Amino acid sequence: MIDFRSDTVTKPTPAMKEAMMNAPVGDDVFVEDPTINELEQFSADMFGMEAGIFCPSGTMTNQIAIKVHTNPGDEVICSRESHIYCYEGGGIAVNSGISARLIEGKSGMITAADVANNFNNPEDIHFPLTRLVSLENTSNRGGGLCYDLEEIKKIKAVCAEKGLKFHLDGARLFNALIATGQDAKDYGHLFDSISLCLSKGLGAPVGSVLIGNKDFIKKSRRVRKVLGGGMRQAGIIAAGGLYAMKNNIERLQIDHDNAHLLANAALENPKIESVGKVETNILMLNINSDSKEMVADFATKGILCYPMDPRRVRIVTHLDNSQEQIAQAAEILRKI
C-alpha cells in the first residue's frame, strides 16, 4: 500500500535508528539527558530563541503553551480550522479552562484585522479577557498553505498593541520555511512560543519541541510534569528528532515536488472537481461524490488517504514515498 494518510506514518531510517541506539542518555526530569539537552538548545538556536523543552507530541507542546500564556477564564483567538481547536480533544477547555474565539478566516489562516476585530474590551466584565493569539503554519485543514510573513508581522503588531501573547503551532513549519524561503529566526523574533513537530515531515518516530524564552520554558517544565510528560532516559527518542533536524529539513522540497506531481495527475480525472492550491506536501482533492467511498476505492487500488470532509480527500506526501510509488499513484489518480 502507498500510504498518503499523513506524514506521521513515516518510519525511522537505518541511519536514524543508529543515532537513536548510540545516543547518550540521562534523567530528563533532572535535566540530565545530554541528547535531549542538545536537541532543545539546537532547536532554540535555530530560531534565535533562548530555550526549549522536549515533549512526546505536538498536542502537548501546544497545550503547554496555551496553559502558560493564559489564566482560567481567558480567551484565545484562533482559526476555526486550527489544530488546537479541532484535533486536541478539547484540551483548550480541559487543560487551561479558557474559551476560544474562532475566526472563520481563509484556508485555516487569519489576519491582523481578524485579531483586532475580535479583541474583547478588557474593561467590560461580560467578556473573557483576550489573552492569546495562536496561528498554525502550515495550515493542515487549509491544505498545507503557508502564512505570508508580512501578515504575521501585522498580527504581531496588533498583539503588541493589545498586550497579547503570540503562539505558533509549527507542526509543519519546516515545510513552510522550505516552500517560502523564509528565515527561521524571523519567526523566533515574532512569536512568544513555537511548537515544532519532529514526527511529521522530518521523519522522527516521536516528539515535538516547544521553544521560547527561559522564563517561559521554566514554567513549561512544571506544566509538562503536571500533564504527565516528564520523561527519564528519553534521549533514545530525542536522538531521532535531533538526527531529523540535522538531516531531513532540506529534503522536504522532494515531498513538495511530489505533491505537485500528484495534483497535476488528479486534475486529469473527471471525478475530481478541483485540487486545492498546493504549496507544500498536502493536497486536497475536491470531489463530486462521497469522500469515504472514494477513499475506500483508492484503497482497493493500493492507495491509503484520508477523508477530510464529506467532499474533500487529503493526500500527504512524505519521505517514505519512493519515486516509483509516486509514479504509480499518479497513474491511479488519473484513472480512478
C-alpha atoms as a PDB file:
ATOM      1  CA  MET A   1       0.000   0.000   0.000  1.00  0.00           C
ATOM      2  CA  ILE A   2       1.121   3.541  -0.767  1.00  0.00           C
ATOM      3  CA  ASP A   3       0.346   5.466   2.409  1.00  0.00           C
ATOM      4  CA  PHE A   4      -0.670   9.109   1.931  1.00  0.00           C
ATOM      5  CA  ARG A   5      -2.867   9.344   5.052  1.00  0.00           C
ATOM      6  CA  SER A   6      -0.389  11.594   6.838  1.00  0.00           C
ATOM      7  CA  ASP A   7       3.307  12.393   7.127  1.00  0.00           C
ATOM      8  CA  THR A   8       3.075  10.949  10.647  1.00  0.00           C
ATOM      9  CA  VAL A   9       3.268   7.411   9.219  1.00  0.00           C
ATOM     10  CA  THR A  10       6.985   7.675   8.412  1.00  0.00           C
ATOM     11  CA  LYS A  11       9.384   5.157   9.923  1.00  0.00           C
ATOM     12  CA  PRO A  12      12.951   5.809  11.118  1.00  0.00           C
ATOM     13  CA  THR A  13      15.678   5.194   8.548  1.00  0.00           C
ATOM     14  CA  PRO A  14      18.615   2.883   9.394  1.00  0.00           C
ATOM     15  CA  ALA A  15      20.819   5.951   9.985  1.00  0.00           C
ATOM     16  CA  MET A  16      18.258   7.456  12.345  1.00  0.00           C
ATOM     17  CA  LYS A  17      17.920   4.164  14.219  1.00  0.00           C
ATOM     18  CA  GLU A  18      21.695   4.007  14.613  1.00  0.00           C
ATOM     19  CA  ALA A  19      21.741   7.518  16.061  1.00  0.00           C
ATOM     20  CA  MET A  20      18.998   6.528  18.487  1.00  0.00           C
ATOM     21  CA  MET A  21      20.738   3.343  19.606  1.00  0.00           C
ATOM     22  CA  ASN A  22      24.013   5.171  20.251  1.00  0.00           C
ATOM     23  CA  ALA A  23      22.524   8.210  21.999  1.00  0.00           C
ATOM     24  CA  PRO A  24      23.955   9.129  25.409  1.00  0.00           C
ATOM     25  CA  VAL A  25      21.128   9.382  27.947  1.00  0.00           C
ATOM     26  CA  GLY A  26      20.328  10.627  31.433  1.00  0.00           C
ATOM     27  CA  ASP A  27      17.332  11.578  33.562  1.00  0.00           C
ATOM     28  CA  ASP A  28      15.498  14.373  31.780  1.00  0.00           C
ATOM     29  CA  VAL A  29      13.343  15.326  34.776  1.00  0.00           C
ATOM     30  CA  PHE A  30      16.650  16.300  36.392  1.00  0.00           C
ATOM     31  CA  VAL A  31      17.619  17.988  33.079  1.00  0.00           C
ATOM     32  CA  GLU A  32      20.477  15.489  32.810  1.00  0.00           C
ATOM     33  CA  ASP A  33      19.843  13.830  29.452  1.00  0.00           C
ATOM     34  CA  PRO A  34      22.602  15.171  27.158  1.00  0.00           C
ATOM     35  CA  THR A  35      20.803  14.238  23.946  1.00  0.00           C
ATOM     36  CA  ILE A  36      17.574  15.959  24.972  1.00  0.00           C
ATOM     37  CA  ASN A  37      19.513  18.995  26.156  1.00  0.00           C
ATOM     38  CA  GLU A  38      21.272  19.197  22.791  1.00  0.00           C
ATOM     39  CA  LEU A  39      18.022  18.845  20.865  1.00  0.00           C
ATOM     40  CA  GLU A  40      16.318  21.543  22.917  1.00  0.00           C
ATOM     41  CA  GLN A  41      19.165  24.039  22.519  1.00  0.00           C
ATOM     42  CA  PHE A  42      19.684  23.183  18.843  1.00  0.00           C
ATOM     43  CA  SER A  43      16.008  23.888  18.163  1.00  0.00           C
ATOM     44  CA  ALA A  44      16.017  27.140  20.130  1.00  0.00           C
ATOM     45  CA  ASP A  45      19.217  28.371  18.469  1.00  0.00           C
ATOM     46  CA  MET A  46      17.842  27.688  15.000  1.00  0.00           C
ATOM     47  CA  PHE A  47      15.009  30.139  15.667  1.00  0.00           C
ATOM     48  CA  GLY A  48      17.024  32.626  17.697  1.00  0.00           C
ATOM     49  CA  MET A  49      15.144  31.804  20.897  1.00  0.00           C
ATOM     50  CA  GLU A  50      16.572  31.124  24.353  1.00  0.00           C
ATOM     51  CA  ALA A  51      15.460  27.637  25.352  1.00  0.00           C
ATOM     52  CA  GLY A  52      13.324  24.625  24.527  1.00  0.00           C
ATOM     53  CA  ILE A  53      11.561  21.648  26.072  1.00  0.00           C
ATOM     54  CA  PHE A  54      11.141  18.217  24.500  1.00  0.00           C
ATOM     55  CA  CYS A  55       7.685  16.616  24.702  1.00  0.00           C
ATOM     56  CA  PRO A  56       6.040  13.439  23.409  1.00  0.00           C
ATOM     57  CA  SER A  57       3.693  15.221  20.993  1.00  0.00           C
ATOM     58  CA  GLY A  58       2.745  18.448  19.266  1.00  0.00           C
ATOM     59  CA  THR A  59      -0.567  18.392  21.084  1.00  0.00           C
ATOM     60  CA  MET A  60       1.300  18.513  24.380  1.00  0.00           C
ATOM     61  CA  THR A  61       3.581  21.365  23.290  1.00  0.00           C
ATOM     62  CA  ASN A  62       0.571  23.374  22.096  1.00  0.00           C
ATOM     63  CA  GLN A  63      -1.391  22.683  25.264  1.00  0.00           C
ATOM     64  CA  ILE A  64       1.548  23.602  27.488  1.00  0.00           C
ATOM     65  CA  ALA A  65       1.982  26.894  25.653  1.00  0.00           C
ATOM     66  CA  ILE A  66      -1.703  27.747  25.946  1.00  0.00           C
ATOM     67  CA  LYS A  67      -1.703  26.986  29.681  1.00  0.00           C
ATOM     68  CA  VAL A  68       1.445  29.004  30.396  1.00  0.00           C
ATOM     69  CA  HIS A  69       0.226  32.011  28.422  1.00  0.00           C
ATOM     70  CA  THR A  70      -3.292  32.178  29.930  1.00  0.00           C
ATOM     71  CA  ASN A  71      -5.348  32.007  33.106  1.00  0.00           C
ATOM     72  CA  PRO A  72      -8.690  30.192  33.553  1.00  0.00           C
ATOM     73  CA  GLY A  73     -11.497  32.272  32.095  1.00  0.00           C
ATOM     74  CA  ASP A  74      -9.295  33.889  29.420  1.00  0.00           C
ATOM     75  CA  GLU A  75      -9.777  33.551  25.672  1.00  0.00           C
ATOM     76  CA  VAL A  76      -7.543  32.539  22.758  1.00  0.00           C
ATOM     77  CA  ILE A  77      -8.083  33.829  19.226  1.00  0.00           C
ATOM     78  CA  CYS A  78      -7.538  31.147  16.582  1.00  0.00           C
ATOM     79  CA  SER A  79      -8.867  29.856  13.283  1.00  0.00           C
ATOM     80  CA  ARG A  80     -11.979  27.682  13.322  1.00  0.00           C
ATOM     81  CA  GLU A  81      -9.872  25.189  11.338  1.00  0.00           C
ATOM     82  CA  SER A  82      -6.904  25.218  13.723  1.00  0.00           C
ATOM     83  CA  HIS A  83      -5.414  22.044  15.152  1.00  0.00           C
ATOM     84  CA  ILE A  84      -5.594  23.356  18.732  1.00  0.00           C
ATOM     85  CA  TYR A  85      -9.379  23.623  18.351  1.00  0.00           C
ATOM     86  CA  CYS A  86     -10.251  20.727  16.032  1.00  0.00           C
ATOM     87  CA  TYR A  87      -7.844  17.952  16.946  1.00  0.00           C
ATOM     88  CA  GLU A  88      -6.631  18.277  20.523  1.00  0.00           C
ATOM     89  CA  GLY A  89      -9.528  16.665  22.377  1.00  0.00           C
ATOM     90  CA  GLY A  90     -10.964  19.860  23.828  1.00  0.00           C
ATOM     91  CA  GLY A  91      -7.681  20.497  25.602  1.00  0.00           C
ATOM     92  CA  ILE A  92      -8.157  24.271  25.495  1.00  0.00           C
ATOM     93  CA  ALA A  93     -11.046  23.865  27.928  1.00  0.00           C
ATOM     94  CA  VAL A  94      -9.854  20.791  29.844  1.00  0.00           C
ATOM     95  CA  ASN A  95      -6.265  21.851  30.490  1.00  0.00           C
ATOM     96  CA  SER A  96      -6.460  25.626  30.629  1.00  0.00           C
ATOM     97  CA  GLY A  97     -10.096  26.424  31.405  1.00  0.00           C
ATOM     98  CA  ILE A  98     -10.275  29.041  28.671  1.00  0.00           C
ATOM     99  CA  SER A  99     -12.555  29.665  25.709  1.00  0.00           C
ATOM    100  CA  ALA A 100     -11.719  30.020  22.023  1.00  0.00           C
ATOM    101  CA  ARG A 101     -12.724  32.950  19.832  1.00  0.00           C
ATOM    102  CA  LEU A 102     -12.997  31.178  16.490  1.00  0.00           C
ATOM    103  CA  ILE A 103     -12.195  33.084  13.309  1.00  0.00           C
ATOM    104  CA  GLU A 104     -13.670  31.850  10.020  1.00  0.00           C
ATOM    105  CA  GLY A 105     -10.597  33.038   8.152  1.00  0.00           C
ATOM    106  CA  LYS A 106      -9.497  31.587   4.829  1.00  0.00           C
ATOM    107  CA  SER A 107      -7.767  28.230   4.337  1.00  0.00           C
ATOM    108  CA  GLY A 108      -7.258  27.945   8.082  1.00  0.00           C
ATOM    109  CA  MET A 109      -5.453  31.273   8.324  1.00  0.00           C
ATOM    110  CA  ILE A 110      -6.415  34.545   9.989  1.00  0.00           C
ATOM    111  CA  THR A 111      -5.390  38.198   9.515  1.00  0.00           C
ATOM    112  CA  ALA A 112      -4.349  41.118  11.662  1.00  0.00           C
ATOM    113  CA  ALA A 113      -7.779  42.649  11.032  1.00  0.00           C
ATOM    114  CA  ASP A 114      -9.401  39.464  12.369  1.00  0.00           C
ATOM    115  CA  VAL A 115      -7.411  39.759  15.588  1.00  0.00           C
ATOM    116  CA  ALA A 116      -8.118  43.459  16.032  1.00  0.00           C
ATOM    117  CA  ASN A 117     -11.846  42.976  15.379  1.00  0.00           C
ATOM    118  CA  ASN A 118     -12.163  40.099  17.858  1.00  0.00           C
ATOM    119  CA  PHE A 119     -10.279  41.570  20.788  1.00  0.00           C
ATOM    120  CA  ASN A 120     -12.570  41.890  23.813  1.00  0.00           C
ATOM    121  CA  ASN A 121     -12.735  45.141  25.736  1.00  0.00           C
ATOM    122  CA  PRO A 122     -10.877  44.299  28.972  1.00  0.00           C
ATOM    123  CA  GLU A 123     -12.974  46.858  30.866  1.00  0.00           C
ATOM    124  CA  ASP A 124     -16.226  45.047  30.053  1.00  0.00           C
ATOM    125  CA  ILE A 125     -16.797  42.398  32.727  1.00  0.00           C
ATOM    126  CA  HIS A 126     -19.246  40.485  30.496  1.00  0.00           C
ATOM    127  CA  PHE A 127     -16.458  39.173  28.248  1.00  0.00           C
ATOM    128  CA  PRO A 128     -13.494  36.874  28.820  1.00  0.00           C
ATOM    129  CA  LEU A 129     -10.099  38.535  28.727  1.00  0.00           C
ATOM    130  CA  THR A 130      -8.460  38.107  25.330  1.00  0.00           C
ATOM    131  CA  ARG A 131      -5.004  36.854  26.242  1.00  0.00           C
ATOM    132  CA  LEU A 132      -3.501  34.849  23.386  1.00  0.00           C
ATOM    133  CA  VAL A 133      -3.393  34.560  19.596  1.00  0.00           C
ATOM    134  CA  SER A 134      -2.457  31.219  18.040  1.00  0.00           C
ATOM    135  CA  LEU A 135      -1.564  30.584  14.388  1.00  0.00           C
ATOM    136  CA  GLU A 136      -0.879  27.310  12.567  1.00  0.00           C
ATOM    137  CA  ASN A 137       1.760  27.182   9.839  1.00  0.00           C
ATOM    138  CA  THR A 138       1.394  25.354   7.554  1.00  0.00           C
ATOM    139  CA  SER A 139      -2.377  25.110   7.798  1.00  0.00           C
ATOM    140  CA  ASN A 140      -3.379  21.445   7.881  1.00  0.00           C
ATOM    141  CA  ARG A 141      -7.079  21.849   7.104  1.00  0.00           C
ATOM    142  CA  GLY A 142      -6.141  24.676   4.763  1.00  0.00           C
ATOM    143  CA  GLY A 143      -4.276  22.234   2.534  1.00  0.00           C
ATOM    144  CA  GLY A 144      -0.713  22.882   3.660  1.00  0.00           C
ATOM    145  CA  LEU A 145      -0.761  26.571   2.739  1.00  0.00           C
ATOM    146  CA  CYS A 146       1.780  28.967   4.245  1.00  0.00           C
ATOM    147  CA  TYR A 147       1.308  32.259   6.042  1.00  0.00           C
ATOM    148  CA  ASP A 148       2.701  35.389   4.414  1.00  0.00           C
ATOM    149  CA  LEU A 149       5.415  36.617   6.784  1.00  0.00           C
ATOM    150  CA  GLU A 150       4.281  40.223   6.327  1.00  0.00           C
ATOM    151  CA  GLU A 151       0.804  39.289   7.590  1.00  0.00           C
ATOM    152  CA  ILE A 152       2.350  37.592  10.617  1.00  0.00           C
ATOM    153  CA  LYS A 153       4.264  40.799  11.332  1.00  0.00           C
ATOM    154  CA  LYS A 154       0.987  42.749  11.181  1.00  0.00           C
ATOM    155  CA  ILE A 155      -0.636  40.301  13.604  1.00  0.00           C
ATOM    156  CA  LYS A 156       2.363  40.659  15.906  1.00  0.00           C
ATOM    157  CA  ALA A 157       1.890  44.432  15.858  1.00  0.00           C
ATOM    158  CA  VAL A 158      -1.732  44.027  16.975  1.00  0.00           C
ATOM    159  CA  CYS A 159      -0.630  41.638  19.716  1.00  0.00           C
ATOM    160  CA  ALA A 160       1.972  44.127  20.927  1.00  0.00           C
ATOM    161  CA  GLU A 161      -0.591  46.932  20.930  1.00  0.00           C
ATOM    162  CA  LYS A 162      -3.177  44.887  22.834  1.00  0.00           C
ATOM    163  CA  GLY A 163      -0.768  43.133  25.205  1.00  0.00           C
ATOM    164  CA  LEU A 164      -1.459  39.655  23.790  1.00  0.00           C
ATOM    165  CA  LYS A 165       0.828  36.640  23.788  1.00  0.00           C
ATOM    166  CA  PHE A 166       1.568  35.117  20.377  1.00  0.00           C
ATOM    167  CA  HIS A 167       1.935  31.341  19.838  1.00  0.00           C
ATOM    168  CA  LEU A 168       2.701  29.357  16.703  1.00  0.00           C
ATOM    169  CA  ASP A 169       1.638  25.783  16.134  1.00  0.00           C
ATOM    170  CA  GLY A 170       4.532  24.999  13.819  1.00  0.00           C
ATOM    171  CA  ALA A 171       3.674  21.342  13.280  1.00  0.00           C
ATOM    172  CA  ARG A 172       4.783  21.724   9.654  1.00  0.00           C
ATOM    173  CA  LEU A 173       6.735  24.959   9.987  1.00  0.00           C
ATOM    174  CA  PHE A 174       9.805  23.444   8.338  1.00  0.00           C
ATOM    175  CA  ASN A 175       7.690  22.751   5.248  1.00  0.00           C
ATOM    176  CA  ALA A 176       6.712  26.420   5.216  1.00  0.00           C
ATOM    177  CA  LEU A 177      10.319  27.566   5.564  1.00  0.00           C
ATOM    178  CA  ILE A 178      11.425  25.406   2.640  1.00  0.00           C
ATOM    179  CA  ALA A 179       8.481  26.416   0.441  1.00  0.00           C
ATOM    180  CA  THR A 180       8.796  30.162   1.067  1.00  0.00           C
ATOM    181  CA  GLY A 181      12.493  30.628   1.737  1.00  0.00           C
ATOM    182  CA  GLN A 182      11.627  32.442   4.957  1.00  0.00           C
ATOM    183  CA  ASP A 183      14.202  32.709   7.759  1.00  0.00           C
ATOM    184  CA  ALA A 184      13.628  30.647  10.904  1.00  0.00           C
ATOM    185  CA  LYS A 185      14.987  33.467  13.079  1.00  0.00           C
ATOM    186  CA  ASP A 186      12.297  35.817  11.790  1.00  0.00           C
ATOM    187  CA  TYR A 187       9.772  33.517  13.445  1.00  0.00           C
ATOM    188  CA  GLY A 188      11.733  33.452  16.670  1.00  0.00           C
ATOM    189  CA  HIS A 189      11.657  37.240  16.800  1.00  0.00           C
ATOM    190  CA  LEU A 190       7.897  37.391  16.219  1.00  0.00           C
ATOM    191  CA  PHE A 191       6.438  34.700  18.460  1.00  0.00           C
ATOM    192  CA  ASP A 192       6.467  34.231  22.213  1.00  0.00           C
ATOM    193  CA  SER A 193       6.413  30.453  21.740  1.00  0.00           C
ATOM    194  CA  ILE A 194       6.692  27.982  18.863  1.00  0.00           C
ATOM    195  CA  SER A 195       5.777  24.300  18.766  1.00  0.00           C
ATOM    196  CA  LEU A 196       7.984  22.268  16.399  1.00  0.00           C
ATOM    197  CA  CYS A 197       6.886  18.761  15.414  1.00  0.00           C
ATOM    198  CA  LEU A 198       9.613  16.236  14.608  1.00  0.00           C
ATOM    199  CA  SER A 199       7.436  13.227  13.750  1.00  0.00           C
ATOM    200  CA  LYS A 200       5.815  14.534  10.570  1.00  0.00           C
ATOM    201  CA  GLY A 201       7.816  15.558   7.504  1.00  0.00           C
ATOM    202  CA  LEU A 202      11.127  15.273   9.330  1.00  0.00           C
ATOM    203  CA  GLY A 203      10.521  11.564   9.859  1.00  0.00           C
ATOM    204  CA  ALA A 204      11.326  11.105  13.553  1.00  0.00           C
ATOM    205  CA  PRO A 205       9.232   8.416  15.285  1.00  0.00           C
ATOM    206  CA  VAL A 206       8.001  10.630  18.119  1.00  0.00           C
ATOM    207  CA  GLY A 207       8.337  14.049  19.695  1.00  0.00           C
ATOM    208  CA  SER A 208       7.965  17.814  19.486  1.00  0.00           C
ATOM    209  CA  VAL A 209       9.963  20.713  20.899  1.00  0.00           C
ATOM    210  CA  LEU A 210       8.441  23.831  22.423  1.00  0.00           C
ATOM    211  CA  ILE A 211      10.707  26.889  22.280  1.00  0.00           C
ATOM    212  CA  GLY A 212      10.567  30.336  23.886  1.00  0.00           C
ATOM    213  CA  ASN A 213      12.438  32.437  26.443  1.00  0.00           C
ATOM    214  CA  LYS A 214      13.978  30.907  29.568  1.00  0.00           C
ATOM    215  CA  ASP A 215      11.218  32.008  31.920  1.00  0.00           C
ATOM    216  CA  PHE A 216       8.534  30.583  29.622  1.00  0.00           C
ATOM    217  CA  ILE A 217      10.345  27.236  29.358  1.00  0.00           C
ATOM    218  CA  LYS A 218      10.841  27.091  33.139  1.00  0.00           C
ATOM    219  CA  LYS A 219       7.086  27.417  33.583  1.00  0.00           C
ATOM    220  CA  SER A 220       6.523  24.915  30.764  1.00  0.00           C
ATOM    221  CA  ARG A 221       8.556  22.260  32.606  1.00  0.00           C
ATOM    222  CA  ARG A 222       6.154  22.438  35.526  1.00  0.00           C
ATOM    223  CA  VAL A 223       3.124  22.162  33.240  1.00  0.00           C
ATOM    224  CA  ARG A 224       4.710  19.252  31.345  1.00  0.00           C
ATOM    225  CA  LYS A 225       5.187  17.449  34.661  1.00  0.00           C
ATOM    226  CA  VAL A 226       1.544  18.051  35.619  1.00  0.00           C
ATOM    227  CA  LEU A 227       0.396  16.677  32.260  1.00  0.00           C
ATOM    228  CA  GLY A 228       2.460  13.516  32.765  1.00  0.00           C
ATOM    229  CA  GLY A 229       5.107  14.457  30.231  1.00  0.00           C
ATOM    230  CA  GLY A 230       8.142  14.219  32.492  1.00  0.00           C
ATOM    231  CA  MET A 231      10.414  11.633  30.851  1.00  0.00           C
ATOM    232  CA  ARG A 232      13.532   9.903  32.072  1.00  0.00           C
ATOM    233  CA  GLN A 233      16.160   8.447  29.713  1.00  0.00           C
ATOM    234  CA  ALA A 234      14.287   9.758  26.692  1.00  0.00           C
ATOM    235  CA  GLY A 235      17.423  10.702  24.776  1.00  0.00           C
ATOM    236  CA  ILE A 236      16.853   7.496  22.823  1.00  0.00           C
ATOM    237  CA  ILE A 237      13.826   9.058  21.142  1.00  0.00           C
ATOM    238  CA  ALA A 238      15.181  12.618  21.180  1.00  0.00           C
ATOM    239  CA  ALA A 239      18.116  11.391  19.109  1.00  0.00           C
ATOM    240  CA  GLY A 240      15.703  10.578  16.297  1.00  0.00           C
ATOM    241  CA  GLY A 241      14.460  14.146  16.391  1.00  0.00           C
ATOM    242  CA  LEU A 242      17.986  15.580  16.544  1.00  0.00           C
ATOM    243  CA  TYR A 243      19.002  13.486  13.532  1.00  0.00           C
ATOM    244  CA  ALA A 244      15.900  14.694  11.699  1.00  0.00           C
ATOM    245  CA  MET A 245      16.650  18.353  12.467  1.00  0.00           C
ATOM    246  CA  LYS A 246      20.202  17.998  11.171  1.00  0.00           C
ATOM    247  CA  ASN A 247      19.497  15.896   8.085  1.00  0.00           C
ATOM    248  CA  ASN A 248      15.890  15.988   6.892  1.00  0.00           C
ATOM    249  CA  ILE A 249      14.849  19.617   6.538  1.00  0.00           C
ATOM    250  CA  GLU A 250      16.208  20.422   3.069  1.00  0.00           C
ATOM    251  CA  ARG A 251      14.798  17.212   1.582  1.00  0.00           C
ATOM    252  CA  LEU A 252      11.242  18.410   2.305  1.00  0.00           C
ATOM    253  CA  GLN A 253      11.373  20.005  -1.150  1.00  0.00           C
ATOM    254  CA  ILE A 254      11.109  16.477  -2.599  1.00  0.00           C
ATOM    255  CA  ASP A 255       7.791  15.982  -0.793  1.00  0.00           C
ATOM    256  CA  HIS A 256       6.528  19.307  -2.133  1.00  0.00           C
ATOM    257  CA  ASP A 257       7.525  18.383  -5.684  1.00  0.00           C
ATOM    258  CA  ASN A 258       5.765  15.028  -5.327  1.00  0.00           C
ATOM    259  CA  ALA A 259       2.595  16.732  -4.120  1.00  0.00           C
ATOM    260  CA  HIS A 260       2.616  18.995  -7.192  1.00  0.00           C
ATOM    261  CA  LEU A 261       3.081  15.970  -9.448  1.00  0.00           C
ATOM    262  CA  LEU A 262       0.123  14.180  -7.882  1.00  0.00           C
ATOM    263  CA  ALA A 263      -2.004  17.316  -8.074  1.00  0.00           C
ATOM    264  CA  ASN A 264      -1.398  17.607 -11.816  1.00  0.00           C
ATOM    265  CA  ALA A 265      -2.339  13.958 -12.275  1.00  0.00           C
ATOM    266  CA  ALA A 266      -5.543  14.385 -10.235  1.00  0.00           C
ATOM    267  CA  LEU A 267      -6.633  17.294 -12.438  1.00  0.00           C
ATOM    268  CA  GLU A 268      -6.888  14.849 -15.361  1.00  0.00           C
ATOM    269  CA  ASN A 269      -9.570  12.852 -13.532  1.00  0.00           C
ATOM    270  CA  PRO A 270     -13.167  13.965 -14.302  1.00  0.00           C
ATOM    271  CA  LYS A 271     -14.371  12.661 -10.909  1.00  0.00           C
ATOM    272  CA  ILE A 272     -12.172  15.199  -9.176  1.00  0.00           C
ATOM    273  CA  GLU A 273     -13.770  18.628  -9.489  1.00  0.00           C
ATOM    274  CA  SER A 274     -10.699  20.569  -8.449  1.00  0.00           C
ATOM    275  CA  VAL A 275      -7.488  20.405  -6.461  1.00  0.00           C
ATOM    276  CA  GLY A 276      -6.689  22.929  -3.763  1.00  0.00           C
ATOM    277  CA  LYS A 277      -3.644  25.138  -4.196  1.00  0.00           C
ATOM    278  CA  VAL A 278      -0.507  23.141  -3.426  1.00  0.00           C
ATOM    279  CA  GLU A 279       2.351  24.889  -1.647  1.00  0.00           C
ATOM    280  CA  THR A 280       3.882  22.137   0.459  1.00  0.00           C
ATOM    281  CA  ASN A 281       3.272  18.407   0.966  1.00  0.00           C
ATOM    282  CA  ILE A 282      -0.527  18.420   1.323  1.00  0.00           C
ATOM    283  CA  LEU A 283      -3.048  18.339  -1.483  1.00  0.00           C
ATOM    284  CA  MET A 284      -6.801  18.464  -1.118  1.00  0.00           C
ATOM    285  CA  LEU A 285      -8.996  16.759  -3.723  1.00  0.00           C
ATOM    286  CA  ASN A 286     -12.402  18.373  -4.075  1.00  0.00           C
ATOM    287  CA  ILE A 287     -14.709  15.680  -5.414  1.00  0.00           C
ATOM    288  CA  ASN A 288     -18.295  15.308  -6.628  1.00  0.00           C
ATOM    289  CA  SER A 289     -19.012  12.145  -4.628  1.00  0.00           C
ATOM    290  CA  ASP A 290     -18.751  10.854  -1.052  1.00  0.00           C
ATOM    291  CA  SER A 291     -15.175  11.168   0.201  1.00  0.00           C
ATOM    292  CA  LYS A 292     -15.323   7.986   2.289  1.00  0.00           C
ATOM    293  CA  GLU A 293     -16.409   5.998  -0.748  1.00  0.00           C
ATOM    294  CA  MET A 294     -13.584   7.443  -2.832  1.00  0.00           C
ATOM    295  CA  VAL A 295     -11.059   6.696  -0.080  1.00  0.00           C
ATOM    296  CA  ALA A 296     -12.318   3.098   0.027  1.00  0.00           C
ATOM    297  CA  ASP A 297     -11.989   2.912  -3.758  1.00  0.00           C
ATOM    298  CA  PHE A 298      -8.435   4.247  -3.530  1.00  0.00           C
ATOM    299  CA  ALA A 299      -7.624   1.526  -1.005  1.00  0.00           C
ATOM    300  CA  THR A 300      -8.653  -1.205  -3.418  1.00  0.00           C
ATOM    301  CA  LYS A 301      -6.137   0.249  -5.887  1.00  0.00           C
ATOM    302  CA  GLY A 302      -3.327   0.365  -3.329  1.00  0.00           C
ATOM    303  CA  ILE A 303      -3.517   3.946  -2.038  1.00  0.00           C
ATOM    304  CA  LEU A 304      -4.297   4.989   1.531  1.00  0.00           C
ATOM    305  CA  CYS A 305      -5.554   8.556   2.022  1.00  0.00           C
ATOM    306  CA  TYR A 306      -7.850  10.491   4.335  1.00  0.00           C
ATOM    307  CA  PRO A 307     -11.472  11.728   4.005  1.00  0.00           C
ATOM    308  CA  MET A 308     -11.072  15.271   5.321  1.00  0.00           C
ATOM    309  CA  ASP A 309     -14.662  16.390   4.720  1.00  0.00           C
ATOM    310  CA  PRO A 310     -17.733  14.834   3.019  1.00  0.00           C
ATOM    311  CA  ARG A 311     -16.500  16.079  -0.384  1.00  0.00           C
ATOM    312  CA  ARG A 312     -12.793  16.521   0.260  1.00  0.00           C
ATOM    313  CA  VAL A 313      -9.945  13.990   0.337  1.00  0.00           C
ATOM    314  CA  ARG A 314      -6.480  14.746   1.761  1.00  0.00           C
ATOM    315  CA  ILE A 315      -3.236  13.329   0.399  1.00  0.00           C
ATOM    316  CA  VAL A 316       0.034  13.970   2.266  1.00  0.00           C
ATOM    317  CA  THR A 317       3.420  13.146   0.756  1.00  0.00           C
ATOM    318  CA  HIS A 318       6.444  12.271   2.893  1.00  0.00           C
ATOM    319  CA  LEU A 319       9.917  10.760   2.947  1.00  0.00           C
ATOM    320  CA  ASP A 320       8.690   7.150   2.883  1.00  0.00           C
ATOM    321  CA  ASN A 321       7.178   7.638  -0.591  1.00  0.00           C
ATOM    322  CA  SER A 322       9.568   6.320  -3.251  1.00  0.00           C
ATOM    323  CA  GLN A 323       9.594   7.830  -6.733  1.00  0.00           C
ATOM    324  CA  GLU A 324       8.196   4.540  -8.024  1.00  0.00           C
ATOM    325  CA  GLN A 325       5.269   4.869  -5.619  1.00  0.00           C
ATOM    326  CA  ILE A 326       4.656   8.465  -6.676  1.00  0.00           C
ATOM    327  CA  ALA A 327       4.582   7.456 -10.358  1.00  0.00           C
ATOM    328  CA  GLN A 328       2.208   4.569  -9.599  1.00  0.00           C
ATOM    329  CA  ALA A 329      -0.046   6.805  -7.515  1.00  0.00           C
ATOM    330  CA  ALA A 330      -0.153   9.449 -10.245  1.00  0.00           C
ATOM    331  CA  GLU A 331      -1.365   6.851 -12.733  1.00  0.00           C
ATOM    332  CA  ILE A 332      -4.081   5.701 -10.334  1.00  0.00           C
ATOM    333  CA  LEU A 333      -5.172   9.268  -9.659  1.00  0.00           C
ATOM    334  CA  ARG A 334      -5.661   9.876 -13.362  1.00  0.00           C
ATOM    335  CA  LYS A 335      -7.971   6.894 -13.783  1.00  0.00           C
ATOM    336  CA  ILE A 336      -9.776   6.044 -10.546  1.00  0.00           C
END
